[in-house]
Amino acid sequence: MSQENVEIVRQLQPGPEVNLVELFARGEDDAEVEAVIAAAAPAFTDDFVCVFHSLSDESRPGVRGLRECWLDWLAPWEGYRTEIEELIDAGDRVLALVRDFGRLPGADKEVDFRGCTVWTVREGRIARAEFFTADRADAFKAAGLQE
């Protein structure tokens, strides 16, 4: 089952060419955003929560909460994309090691840094997502692994 969890997480990851600012930063009334939320909802449990630890340890519920977290994280960026380095099977959790690339307004070059997400999968659906950017050791610990 855990390899299936890795594949569930892999399918949720946007491609490295996707600008996450454009993906998430559409108006709340935008019918396209509502369609994307409706399409994504079946991949998540009804009690899904997410936490962006670099912003706050507060969890936000639902797919809308996930979008709100991303909007908060992406606020300073003009462009932002992410590439998967590795997906690590941790039973009911999947640790996604990523390299993120961001470009600030007026900047010609991207900055890059390493981040990770711990995805908890329950009965084939995502139940929790915890985003870490400051310290990968915290993500490994949250996934029940050692770095």
Protein backbone atom coordinates (compact mmCIF):
# COMPACT_ATOMS: atom_id res chain seq x y z
CA MET A 1 0.00 0.00 0.00
CA SER A 2 2.78 2.48 0.77
CA GLN A 3 4.14 2.46 -2.82
CA GLU A 4 0.57 3.35 -3.83
CA ASN A 5 0.82 6.29 -1.42
CA VAL A 6 4.00 7.46 -3.15
CA GLU A 7 2.18 7.37 -6.50
CA ILE A 8 -0.79 9.31 -5.07
CA VAL A 9 1.60 12.04 -3.92
CA ARG A 10 3.53 12.00 -7.21
CA GLN A 11 0.31 12.62 -9.14
CA LEU A 12 -0.51 15.66 -6.97
CA GLN A 13 2.82 17.38 -7.62
CA PRO A 14 2.77 20.07 -10.31
CA GLY A 15 5.38 19.78 -13.04
CA PRO A 16 8.62 21.76 -12.70
CA GLU A 17 7.47 24.16 -15.43
CA VAL A 18 4.31 25.20 -13.54
CA ASN A 19 4.42 28.69 -12.05
CA LEU A 20 2.66 28.20 -8.71
CA VAL A 21 1.98 31.94 -8.41
CA GLU A 22 -0.19 31.71 -11.53
CA LEU A 23 -1.72 28.41 -10.43
CA PHE A 24 -2.85 29.59 -6.98
CA ALA A 25 -3.15 33.38 -7.28
CA ARG A 26 -6.37 33.60 -9.22
CA GLY A 27 -9.33 35.58 -7.88
CA GLU A 28 -11.68 33.92 -5.39
CA ASP A 29 -14.63 34.43 -7.77
CA ASP A 30 -12.81 32.84 -10.69
CA ALA A 31 -14.83 29.91 -12.00
CA GLU A 32 -11.59 28.17 -12.97
CA VAL A 33 -10.40 28.20 -9.35
CA GLU A 34 -13.69 26.74 -8.20
CA ALA A 35 -13.45 24.04 -10.86
CA VAL A 36 -9.90 23.15 -9.80
CA ILE A 37 -10.93 22.98 -6.13
CA ALA A 38 -13.90 20.78 -7.00
CA ALA A 39 -11.72 18.53 -9.16
CA ALA A 40 -9.02 18.24 -6.46
CA ALA A 41 -11.37 17.64 -3.52
CA PRO A 42 -11.81 13.86 -4.08
CA ALA A 43 -8.03 13.39 -3.60
CA PHE A 44 -8.33 14.70 -0.01
CA THR A 45 -10.14 13.34 3.03
CA ASP A 46 -13.07 15.32 4.42
CA ASP A 47 -10.96 16.20 7.47
CA PHE A 48 -7.82 17.16 5.48
CA VAL A 49 -5.59 19.82 7.05
CA CYS A 50 -2.38 21.49 5.97
CA VAL A 51 0.36 23.35 7.79
CA PHE A 52 3.06 25.60 6.32
CA HIS A 53 5.48 25.49 9.26
CA SER A 54 7.55 28.39 7.92
CA LEU A 55 4.46 30.61 8.16
CA SER A 56 2.73 29.23 11.25
CA ASP A 57 2.12 25.99 13.09
CA GLU A 58 -1.61 26.61 12.68
CA SER A 59 -3.35 23.99 10.56
CA ARG A 60 -5.86 25.05 7.94
CA PRO A 61 -8.71 22.76 6.92
CA GLY A 62 -9.71 21.58 3.49
CA VAL A 63 -8.58 22.21 -0.05
CA ARG A 64 -9.47 25.89 0.38
CA GLY A 65 -7.14 26.00 3.40
CA LEU A 66 -4.39 24.48 1.26
CA ARG A 67 -4.94 27.19 -1.34
CA GLU A 68 -4.92 29.90 1.37
CA CYS A 69 -1.60 28.58 2.72
CA TRP A 70 -0.09 28.65 -0.75
CA LEU A 71 -1.38 32.19 -1.36
CA ASP A 72 0.25 33.33 1.90
CA TRP A 73 3.53 31.60 1.02
CA LEU A 74 3.57 32.90 -2.55
CA ALA A 75 2.68 36.52 -1.69
CA PRO A 76 6.21 37.95 -2.09
CA TRP A 77 7.05 35.98 -5.23
CA GLU A 78 6.51 36.89 -8.88
CA GLY A 79 7.33 33.38 -10.01
CA TYR A 80 7.67 30.15 -8.05
CA ARG A 81 8.13 26.56 -9.12
CA THR A 82 9.18 23.31 -7.53
CA GLU A 83 10.93 20.13 -8.65
CA ILE A 84 10.76 16.75 -6.93
CA GLU A 85 14.16 15.45 -5.88
CA GLU A 86 12.88 12.31 -4.17
CA LEU A 87 9.72 10.77 -2.75
CA ILE A 88 10.37 8.58 0.28
CA ASP A 89 7.95 5.88 1.38
CA ALA A 90 7.28 6.11 5.13
CA GLY A 91 4.23 3.83 5.40
CA ASP A 92 1.14 6.00 5.70
CA ARG A 93 3.33 9.06 5.10
CA VAL A 94 5.29 10.15 2.06
CA LEU A 95 8.21 12.53 2.43
CA ALA A 96 8.64 14.69 -0.65
CA LEU A 97 12.10 16.24 -0.94
CA VAL A 98 11.95 19.16 -3.36
CA ARG A 99 14.02 21.98 -4.73
CA ASP A 100 12.06 25.22 -4.95
CA PHE A 101 12.84 28.11 -7.28
CA GLY A 102 11.47 31.60 -6.67
CA ARG A 103 11.81 34.93 -8.44
CA LEU A 104 11.04 38.18 -6.63
CA PRO A 105 9.48 41.14 -8.48
CA GLY A 106 12.10 43.00 -10.51
CA ALA A 107 14.66 40.21 -10.16
CA ASP A 108 16.25 38.65 -13.24
CA LYS A 109 17.33 35.45 -11.54
CA GLU A 110 15.65 32.82 -9.44
CA VAL A 111 16.79 31.87 -5.97
CA ASP A 112 16.60 28.23 -5.06
CA PHE A 113 16.34 26.32 -1.83
CA ARG A 114 15.47 22.88 -0.59
CA GLY A 115 12.13 22.14 1.00
CA CYS A 116 10.03 19.15 1.92
CA THR A 117 6.49 18.10 2.52
CA VAL A 118 5.17 15.28 4.64
CA TRP A 119 1.98 13.92 3.10
CA THR A 120 -0.18 11.63 5.24
CA VAL A 121 -2.32 9.24 3.21
CA ARG A 122 -5.37 7.49 4.62
CA GLU A 123 -7.43 5.02 2.59
CA GLY A 124 -5.99 6.31 -0.67
CA ARG A 125 -6.63 10.00 0.04
CA ILE A 126 -4.49 12.82 1.43
CA ALA A 127 -5.35 13.50 5.09
CA ARG A 128 -2.59 15.95 6.01
CA ALA A 129 0.16 17.98 4.36
CA GLU A 130 2.98 19.58 6.34
CA PHE A 131 5.32 21.91 4.46
CA PHE A 132 8.86 22.52 5.76
CA THR A 133 11.42 24.92 4.29
CA ALA A 134 13.71 25.84 7.17
CA ASP A 135 15.03 22.44 8.24
CA ARG A 136 14.68 19.11 6.52
CA ALA A 137 15.44 17.35 9.81
CA ASP A 138 12.05 18.51 11.11
CA ALA A 139 10.35 16.98 8.07
CA PHE A 140 12.17 13.67 8.50
CA LYS A 141 11.13 13.62 12.16
CA ALA A 142 7.49 14.39 11.26
CA ALA A 143 7.58 11.47 8.80
CA GLY A 144 9.01 9.15 11.46
CA LEU A 145 12.34 8.87 9.63
CA GLN A 146 15.97 9.78 10.27
CA GLU A 147 17.85 11.98 7.83
